Amino acid sequence: MKCDFHIGQKVVCIARGDWRKAKIKYLYRVGIGLNVPVSGQVYTIRDLVWDDRGPDGPDDVKGIGAVGVLLMEVVNGIDPDTGIESLWPSYEFKPLNESKTDIGVFTKMLDKVDA
């Protein structure tokens, strides 16, 4: 799966939430607990990691079978089964559009009409 994100990029969580239930249940069972991204919130990518476990495992240990992201604002402990921090599927995020709208071009058009 293609991932055009980069470290330091701002992204918005668009997660539907269905994948989080099994992950939370599993990590609480092994005693880690879990901080989760919230849909609609803005985050900063801390790292990108390929998760090759795939989505076909048992419900409580499924991999994402895609590029996973680690977020600066969401930090968790190390998963004892994988030896890494819990990843979030990159497809559950979209780039934040940080472009500022400049209406200067429109005000210049109005100045020409008034002249």
N, C-alpha and C. Protein backbone atom coordinates (compact mmCIF):
# COMPACT_ATOMS: atom_id res chain seq x y z
N MET A 1 0.85 -1.18 0.00
CA MET A 1 0.00 0.00 0.00
C MET A 1 0.89 1.24 0.00
N LYS A 2 0.57 2.19 -0.85
CA LYS A 2 1.35 3.40 -0.98
C LYS A 2 1.09 4.35 0.19
N CYS A 3 2.17 4.98 0.67
CA CYS A 3 2.06 5.94 1.76
C CYS A 3 2.93 7.14 1.42
N ASP A 4 2.31 8.30 1.24
CA ASP A 4 3.05 9.51 0.88
C ASP A 4 3.34 10.40 2.08
N PHE A 5 3.23 9.89 3.27
CA PHE A 5 3.51 10.69 4.46
C PHE A 5 5.01 10.80 4.70
N HIS A 6 5.40 11.78 5.51
CA HIS A 6 6.79 11.91 5.91
C HIS A 6 6.85 12.29 7.39
N ILE A 7 7.97 12.01 8.00
CA ILE A 7 8.16 12.33 9.41
C ILE A 7 8.07 13.84 9.60
N GLY A 8 7.32 14.25 10.62
CA GLY A 8 7.11 15.67 10.89
C GLY A 8 5.85 16.24 10.25
N GLN A 9 5.22 15.47 9.37
CA GLN A 9 4.01 15.94 8.69
C GLN A 9 2.81 15.95 9.63
N LYS A 10 1.97 16.96 9.48
CA LYS A 10 0.72 17.04 10.24
C LYS A 10 -0.34 16.25 9.47
N VAL A 11 -1.08 15.43 10.22
CA VAL A 11 -2.14 14.61 9.62
C VAL A 11 -3.39 14.70 10.49
N VAL A 12 -4.52 14.36 9.89
CA VAL A 12 -5.80 14.31 10.60
C VAL A 12 -6.24 12.86 10.67
N CYS A 13 -6.65 12.42 11.85
CA CYS A 13 -7.15 11.06 12.02
C CYS A 13 -8.56 10.96 11.42
N ILE A 14 -8.75 10.00 10.54
CA ILE A 14 -10.07 9.77 9.93
C ILE A 14 -10.56 8.37 10.27
N ALA A 15 -10.05 7.81 11.37
CA ALA A 15 -10.35 6.43 11.77
C ALA A 15 -11.83 6.23 12.03
N ARG A 16 -12.30 5.10 11.59
CA ARG A 16 -13.69 4.70 11.86
C ARG A 16 -13.81 4.09 13.25
N GLY A 17 -12.70 3.62 13.79
CA GLY A 17 -12.71 3.11 15.16
C GLY A 17 -12.83 1.61 15.30
N ASP A 18 -13.21 0.88 14.26
CA ASP A 18 -13.42 -0.56 14.39
C ASP A 18 -12.14 -1.31 14.72
N TRP A 19 -11.00 -0.89 14.20
CA TRP A 19 -9.73 -1.57 14.45
C TRP A 19 -9.23 -1.34 15.86
N ARG A 20 -9.68 -0.28 16.49
CA ARG A 20 -9.16 0.05 17.82
C ARG A 20 -9.68 -0.87 18.92
N LYS A 21 -10.88 -1.37 18.77
CA LYS A 21 -11.47 -2.20 19.84
C LYS A 21 -10.62 -3.42 20.14
N ALA A 22 -10.25 -4.17 19.10
CA ALA A 22 -9.45 -5.38 19.30
C ALA A 22 -8.07 -5.03 19.83
N LYS A 23 -7.47 -3.96 19.31
CA LYS A 23 -6.13 -3.57 19.76
C LYS A 23 -6.15 -3.16 21.23
N ILE A 24 -7.13 -2.41 21.63
CA ILE A 24 -7.24 -1.97 23.02
C ILE A 24 -7.44 -3.17 23.93
N LYS A 25 -8.34 -4.07 23.54
CA LYS A 25 -8.60 -5.28 24.34
C LYS A 25 -7.33 -6.10 24.52
N TYR A 26 -6.60 -6.30 23.44
CA TYR A 26 -5.37 -7.08 23.49
C TYR A 26 -4.32 -6.41 24.39
N LEU A 27 -4.07 -5.12 24.19
CA LEU A 27 -3.01 -4.46 24.95
C LEU A 27 -3.34 -4.34 26.43
N TYR A 28 -4.62 -4.18 26.76
CA TYR A 28 -4.98 -4.20 28.18
C TYR A 28 -4.79 -5.59 28.76
N ARG A 29 -5.06 -6.62 27.96
CA ARG A 29 -4.89 -7.99 28.43
C ARG A 29 -3.43 -8.28 28.77
N VAL A 30 -2.51 -7.74 27.98
CA VAL A 30 -1.09 -7.98 28.27
C VAL A 30 -0.51 -6.93 29.20
N GLY A 31 -1.36 -6.03 29.71
CA GLY A 31 -0.94 -5.10 30.75
C GLY A 31 -0.25 -3.83 30.30
N ILE A 32 -0.46 -3.43 29.06
CA ILE A 32 0.20 -2.22 28.57
C ILE A 32 -0.72 -1.00 28.67
N GLY A 33 -2.00 -1.18 28.41
CA GLY A 33 -2.88 -0.01 28.29
C GLY A 33 -2.62 0.61 26.92
N LEU A 34 -3.37 1.63 26.57
CA LEU A 34 -3.20 2.18 25.23
C LEU A 34 -3.77 3.58 25.13
N ASN A 35 -2.96 4.48 24.59
CA ASN A 35 -3.44 5.80 24.18
C ASN A 35 -3.78 5.68 22.71
N VAL A 36 -4.93 6.21 22.31
CA VAL A 36 -5.36 6.06 20.91
C VAL A 36 -5.60 7.41 20.25
N PRO A 37 -5.35 7.48 18.93
CA PRO A 37 -5.70 8.69 18.20
C PRO A 37 -7.22 8.84 18.15
N VAL A 38 -7.68 10.08 18.10
CA VAL A 38 -9.12 10.38 18.07
C VAL A 38 -9.49 10.92 16.70
N SER A 39 -10.54 10.38 16.13
CA SER A 39 -10.98 10.82 14.82
C SER A 39 -11.25 12.32 14.82
N GLY A 40 -10.74 13.00 13.80
CA GLY A 40 -10.93 14.45 13.66
C GLY A 40 -9.82 15.28 14.27
N GLN A 41 -8.94 14.66 15.06
CA GLN A 41 -7.85 15.40 15.71
C GLN A 41 -6.61 15.44 14.81
N VAL A 42 -5.79 16.47 15.01
CA VAL A 42 -4.56 16.66 14.24
C VAL A 42 -3.38 16.08 15.02
N TYR A 43 -2.50 15.37 14.30
CA TYR A 43 -1.33 14.74 14.89
C TYR A 43 -0.10 14.99 14.02
N THR A 44 1.08 14.75 14.59
CA THR A 44 2.34 14.89 13.88
C THR A 44 2.99 13.53 13.76
N ILE A 45 3.41 13.15 12.56
CA ILE A 45 4.03 11.83 12.36
C ILE A 45 5.43 11.82 12.96
N ARG A 46 5.64 10.87 13.84
CA ARG A 46 6.93 10.68 14.52
C ARG A 46 7.80 9.67 13.79
N ASP A 47 7.16 8.63 13.22
CA ASP A 47 7.90 7.60 12.49
C ASP A 47 6.93 6.83 11.60
N LEU A 48 7.47 6.19 10.57
CA LEU A 48 6.70 5.33 9.66
C LEU A 48 7.35 3.94 9.69
N VAL A 49 6.52 2.91 9.87
CA VAL A 49 7.04 1.54 10.03
C VAL A 49 6.16 0.59 9.21
N TRP A 50 6.80 -0.30 8.45
CA TRP A 50 6.04 -1.31 7.71
C TRP A 50 5.62 -2.41 8.67
N ASP A 51 4.33 -2.69 8.74
CA ASP A 51 3.80 -3.78 9.58
C ASP A 51 3.46 -4.92 8.65
N ASP A 52 4.31 -5.94 8.60
CA ASP A 52 4.12 -7.04 7.66
C ASP A 52 3.32 -8.19 8.23
N ARG A 53 2.76 -8.03 9.42
CA ARG A 53 1.99 -9.14 10.01
C ARG A 53 0.70 -9.40 9.26
N GLY A 54 0.14 -8.41 8.60
CA GLY A 54 -1.08 -8.58 7.84
C GLY A 54 -2.32 -8.62 8.70
N PRO A 55 -3.46 -8.39 8.10
CA PRO A 55 -4.72 -8.29 8.85
C PRO A 55 -5.43 -9.62 9.09
N ASP A 56 -4.79 -10.74 8.80
CA ASP A 56 -5.48 -12.03 8.87
C ASP A 56 -5.26 -12.81 10.15
N GLY A 57 -4.61 -12.21 11.14
CA GLY A 57 -4.38 -12.91 12.40
C GLY A 57 -5.64 -12.96 13.24
N PRO A 58 -5.54 -13.57 14.42
CA PRO A 58 -6.70 -13.58 15.32
C PRO A 58 -7.09 -12.15 15.67
N ASP A 59 -8.33 -11.92 16.03
CA ASP A 59 -8.83 -10.57 16.27
C ASP A 59 -7.98 -9.75 17.21
N ASP A 60 -7.40 -10.39 18.22
CA ASP A 60 -6.68 -9.59 19.20
C ASP A 60 -5.21 -9.37 18.87
N VAL A 61 -4.70 -9.94 17.78
CA VAL A 61 -3.29 -9.70 17.44
C VAL A 61 -3.10 -9.40 15.95
N LYS A 62 -4.11 -8.88 15.30
CA LYS A 62 -3.99 -8.58 13.88
C LYS A 62 -2.94 -7.51 13.64
N GLY A 63 -2.20 -7.70 12.57
CA GLY A 63 -1.33 -6.63 12.09
C GLY A 63 -2.15 -5.76 11.16
N ILE A 64 -1.54 -4.70 10.66
CA ILE A 64 -2.30 -3.84 9.76
C ILE A 64 -1.97 -4.10 8.31
N GLY A 65 -0.90 -4.85 8.03
CA GLY A 65 -0.56 -5.20 6.65
C GLY A 65 -0.32 -3.99 5.79
N ALA A 66 0.21 -2.94 6.37
CA ALA A 66 0.42 -1.69 5.66
C ALA A 66 1.45 -0.87 6.42
N VAL A 67 1.70 0.33 5.94
CA VAL A 67 2.58 1.24 6.66
C VAL A 67 1.85 1.71 7.90
N GLY A 68 2.53 1.61 9.03
CA GLY A 68 1.97 2.10 10.28
C GLY A 68 2.66 3.41 10.66
N VAL A 69 1.94 4.25 11.37
CA VAL A 69 2.52 5.51 11.81
C VAL A 69 2.63 5.54 13.33
N LEU A 70 3.67 6.21 13.79
CA LEU A 70 3.80 6.55 15.20
C LEU A 70 3.62 8.06 15.27
N LEU A 71 2.90 8.51 16.28
CA LEU A 71 2.54 9.92 16.38
C LEU A 71 3.22 10.58 17.58
N MET A 72 3.64 11.82 17.41
CA MET A 72 4.28 12.54 18.51
C MET A 72 3.34 12.72 19.69
N GLU A 73 2.08 12.91 19.42
CA GLU A 73 1.10 13.20 20.46
C GLU A 73 0.50 11.95 21.11
N VAL A 74 0.78 10.77 20.55
CA VAL A 74 0.24 9.52 21.09
C VAL A 74 1.41 8.55 21.28
N VAL A 75 1.82 8.39 22.53
CA VAL A 75 2.96 7.52 22.85
C VAL A 75 2.48 6.40 23.75
N ASN A 76 2.90 5.19 23.42
CA ASN A 76 2.51 4.00 24.18
C ASN A 76 3.72 3.17 24.53
N GLY A 77 3.50 2.18 25.38
CA GLY A 77 4.56 1.25 25.74
C GLY A 77 4.86 0.26 24.63
N ILE A 78 5.86 -0.57 24.86
CA ILE A 78 6.27 -1.58 23.88
C ILE A 78 5.37 -2.81 23.99
N ASP A 79 4.87 -3.25 22.85
CA ASP A 79 4.05 -4.46 22.77
C ASP A 79 4.98 -5.66 22.96
N PRO A 80 4.73 -6.52 23.97
CA PRO A 80 5.63 -7.65 24.22
C PRO A 80 5.66 -8.67 23.07
N ASP A 81 4.61 -8.74 22.27
CA ASP A 81 4.61 -9.70 21.16
C ASP A 81 5.41 -9.22 19.96
N THR A 82 5.45 -7.91 19.73
CA THR A 82 6.13 -7.39 18.55
C THR A 82 7.47 -6.74 18.88
N GLY A 83 7.63 -6.31 20.12
CA GLY A 83 8.86 -5.62 20.51
C GLY A 83 8.91 -4.17 20.07
N ILE A 84 7.79 -3.66 19.57
CA ILE A 84 7.72 -2.26 19.15
C ILE A 84 6.48 -1.60 19.73
N GLU A 85 6.44 -0.31 19.65
CA GLU A 85 5.26 0.44 20.09
C GLU A 85 4.11 0.16 19.11
N SER A 86 2.91 0.22 19.61
CA SER A 86 1.73 -0.02 18.80
C SER A 86 1.65 0.97 17.64
N LEU A 87 1.42 0.43 16.43
CA LEU A 87 1.34 1.25 15.22
C LEU A 87 -0.11 1.58 14.89
N TRP A 88 -0.29 2.67 14.17
CA TRP A 88 -1.63 3.06 13.69
C TRP A 88 -1.61 3.01 12.17
N PRO A 89 -2.63 2.43 11.54
CA PRO A 89 -2.63 2.28 10.09
C PRO A 89 -2.58 3.64 9.39
N SER A 90 -1.66 3.78 8.44
CA SER A 90 -1.52 5.05 7.74
C SER A 90 -2.79 5.42 6.98
N TYR A 91 -3.55 4.41 6.54
CA TYR A 91 -4.77 4.69 5.78
C TYR A 91 -5.88 5.26 6.66
N GLU A 92 -5.66 5.34 7.96
CA GLU A 92 -6.64 5.95 8.86
C GLU A 92 -6.33 7.43 9.13
N PHE A 93 -5.42 8.00 8.31
CA PHE A 93 -5.04 9.41 8.44
C PHE A 93 -5.02 10.05 7.06
N LYS A 94 -5.21 11.37 7.03
CA LYS A 94 -5.05 12.11 5.78
C LYS A 94 -4.21 13.35 6.08
N PRO A 95 -3.49 13.84 5.07
CA PRO A 95 -2.65 15.02 5.30
C PRO A 95 -3.51 16.22 5.73
N LEU A 96 -2.96 17.01 6.63
CA LEU A 96 -3.63 18.24 7.04
C LEU A 96 -3.35 19.30 5.99
N ASN A 97 -4.39 19.96 5.52
CA ASN A 97 -4.22 21.04 4.56
C ASN A 97 -3.96 22.30 5.36
N GLU A 98 -2.69 22.73 5.39
CA GLU A 98 -2.31 23.89 6.18
C GLU A 98 -2.20 25.17 5.35
N SER A 99 -2.63 25.10 4.09
CA SER A 99 -2.50 26.31 3.26
C SER A 99 -3.45 27.38 3.77
N LYS A 100 -2.93 28.57 3.81
CA LYS A 100 -3.71 29.72 4.27
C LYS A 100 -4.35 30.38 3.05
N THR A 101 -5.60 30.73 3.15
CA THR A 101 -6.29 31.40 2.07
C THR A 101 -5.94 32.88 2.10
N ASP A 102 -5.43 33.36 0.98
CA ASP A 102 -5.08 34.78 0.86
C ASP A 102 -6.12 35.43 -0.06
N ILE A 103 -6.90 36.34 0.50
CA ILE A 103 -7.95 36.99 -0.30
C ILE A 103 -7.44 38.25 -1.00
N GLY A 104 -6.12 38.49 -0.91
CA GLY A 104 -5.54 39.67 -1.53
C GLY A 104 -5.84 39.77 -3.02
N VAL A 105 -5.80 38.64 -3.71
CA VAL A 105 -6.07 38.65 -5.15
C VAL A 105 -7.50 39.12 -5.43
N PHE A 106 -8.44 38.78 -4.56
CA PHE A 106 -9.83 39.19 -4.76
C PHE A 106 -10.03 40.68 -4.45
N THR A 107 -9.35 41.15 -3.43
CA THR A 107 -9.49 42.58 -3.12
C THR A 107 -8.88 43.43 -4.22
N LYS A 108 -7.80 42.96 -4.86
CA LYS A 108 -7.22 43.67 -5.99
C LYS A 108 -8.20 43.71 -7.16
N MET A 109 -8.94 42.61 -7.35
CA MET A 109 -9.95 42.58 -8.43
C MET A 109 -11.04 43.61 -8.16
N LEU A 110 -11.46 43.73 -6.89
CA LEU A 110 -12.47 44.70 -6.55
C LEU A 110 -11.97 46.14 -6.71
N ASP A 111 -10.69 46.35 -6.38
CA ASP A 111 -10.12 47.69 -6.57
C ASP A 111 -10.18 48.09 -8.04
N LYS A 112 -9.94 47.17 -8.94
CA LYS A 112 -9.97 47.46 -10.38
C LYS A 112 -11.40 47.77 -10.83
N VAL A 113 -12.38 47.09 -10.25
CA VAL A 113 -13.79 47.32 -10.62
C VAL A 113 -14.22 48.72 -10.13
N ASP A 114 -13.78 49.10 -8.95
CA ASP A 114 -14.16 50.41 -8.39
C ASP A 114 -13.50 51.57 -9.12
N ALA A 115 -12.38 51.35 -9.79
CA ALA A 115 -11.63 52.43 -10.42
C ALA A 115 -12.24 52.92 -11.70
